[in-house]
Amino acid sequence: MRLDPGDVCPRTGAYRLIDRDGRLVNTIYVGEGELMPPTQYSGCHYEWES
């Protein structure tokens, strides 16, 4: 599941921050219903870490 900064988090859990080259930048914890936080780099997105 791919999420962009500002999207509503669909479920509580850990999300990986992935850069435009597909590399892992960081892992964050977000609660259901919260907005995904902004990133320091353009072109990044979040992926749910199962």
C-alpha atoms as a PDB file:
ATOM      1  CA  MET A   1       0.000   0.000   0.000  1.00  0.00           C
ATOM      2  CA  ARG A   2       1.532   3.308  -1.118  1.00  0.00           C
ATOM      3  CA  LEU A   3       0.723   6.516   0.751  1.00  0.00           C
ATOM      4  CA  ASP A   4       1.868  10.053   0.059  1.00  0.00           C
ATOM      5  CA  PRO A   5       2.520  12.786   2.634  1.00  0.00           C
ATOM      6  CA  GLY A   6      -0.816  14.287   3.730  1.00  0.00           C
ATOM      7  CA  ASP A   7      -2.809  11.104   3.038  1.00  0.00           C
ATOM      8  CA  VAL A   8      -4.973   9.739   5.863  1.00  0.00           C
ATOM      9  CA  CYS A   9      -3.427   6.691   7.518  1.00  0.00           C
ATOM     10  CA  PRO A  10      -5.773   3.701   7.004  1.00  0.00           C
ATOM     11  CA  ARG A  11      -4.446   1.604   9.905  1.00  0.00           C
ATOM     12  CA  THR A  12      -2.169   1.981  12.893  1.00  0.00           C
ATOM     13  CA  GLY A  13       1.326   0.670  12.422  1.00  0.00           C
ATOM     14  CA  ALA A  14       4.855   1.156  11.174  1.00  0.00           C
ATOM     15  CA  TYR A  15       5.369   2.726   7.761  1.00  0.00           C
ATOM     16  CA  ARG A  16       8.572   2.787   5.725  1.00  0.00           C
ATOM     17  CA  LEU A  17       9.609   6.050   4.083  1.00  0.00           C
ATOM     18  CA  ILE A  18      10.860   5.213   0.582  1.00  0.00           C
ATOM     19  CA  ASP A  19      12.770   7.655  -1.645  1.00  0.00           C
ATOM     20  CA  ARG A  20      12.288   8.082  -5.399  1.00  0.00           C
ATOM     21  CA  ASP A  21      14.982   5.451  -6.067  1.00  0.00           C
ATOM     22  CA  GLY A  22      13.176   2.829  -3.963  1.00  0.00           C
ATOM     23  CA  ARG A  23      15.593   3.001  -1.023  1.00  0.00           C
ATOM     24  CA  LEU A  24      14.477   2.916   2.605  1.00  0.00           C
ATOM     25  CA  VAL A  25      15.042   6.313   4.262  1.00  0.00           C
ATOM     26  CA  ASN A  26      13.311   5.850   7.620  1.00  0.00           C
ATOM     27  CA  THR A  27      10.533   4.016   9.461  1.00  0.00           C
ATOM     28  CA  ILE A  28       7.791   5.853  11.361  1.00  0.00           C
ATOM     29  CA  TYR A  29       4.797   4.856  13.494  1.00  0.00           C
ATOM     30  CA  VAL A  30       1.433   6.431  12.610  1.00  0.00           C
ATOM     31  CA  GLY A  31      -2.008   5.945  14.141  1.00  0.00           C
ATOM     32  CA  GLU A  32      -5.180   5.226  12.187  1.00  0.00           C
ATOM     33  CA  GLY A  33      -6.869   8.407  10.967  1.00  0.00           C
ATOM     34  CA  GLU A  34      -3.752  10.572  11.359  1.00  0.00           C
ATOM     35  CA  LEU A  35      -2.227  12.368   8.387  1.00  0.00           C
ATOM     36  CA  MET A  36       1.001  10.992   6.988  1.00  0.00           C
ATOM     37  CA  PRO A  37       3.726  13.504   7.870  1.00  0.00           C
ATOM     38  CA  PRO A  38       5.625  15.617   5.339  1.00  0.00           C
ATOM     39  CA  THR A  39       8.998  14.367   4.124  1.00  0.00           C
ATOM     40  CA  GLN A  40      12.347  16.127   3.888  1.00  0.00           C
ATOM     41  CA  TYR A  41      12.805  15.057   0.265  1.00  0.00           C
ATOM     42  CA  SER A  42      10.580  15.379  -2.789  1.00  0.00           C
ATOM     43  CA  GLY A  43       9.403  12.213  -4.489  1.00  0.00           C
ATOM     44  CA  CYS A  44       9.188  10.143  -1.298  1.00  0.00           C
ATOM     45  CA  HIS A  45       6.231   7.991  -0.278  1.00  0.00           C
ATOM     46  CA  TYR A  46       5.231   5.688   2.579  1.00  0.00           C
ATOM     47  CA  GLU A  47       4.624   1.943   2.501  1.00  0.00           C
ATOM     48  CA  TRP A  48       2.951  -0.090   5.225  1.00  0.00           C
ATOM     49  CA  GLU A  49       5.381  -2.392   7.011  1.00  0.00           C
ATOM     50  CA  SER A  50       3.486  -5.605   7.734  1.00  0.00           C
END
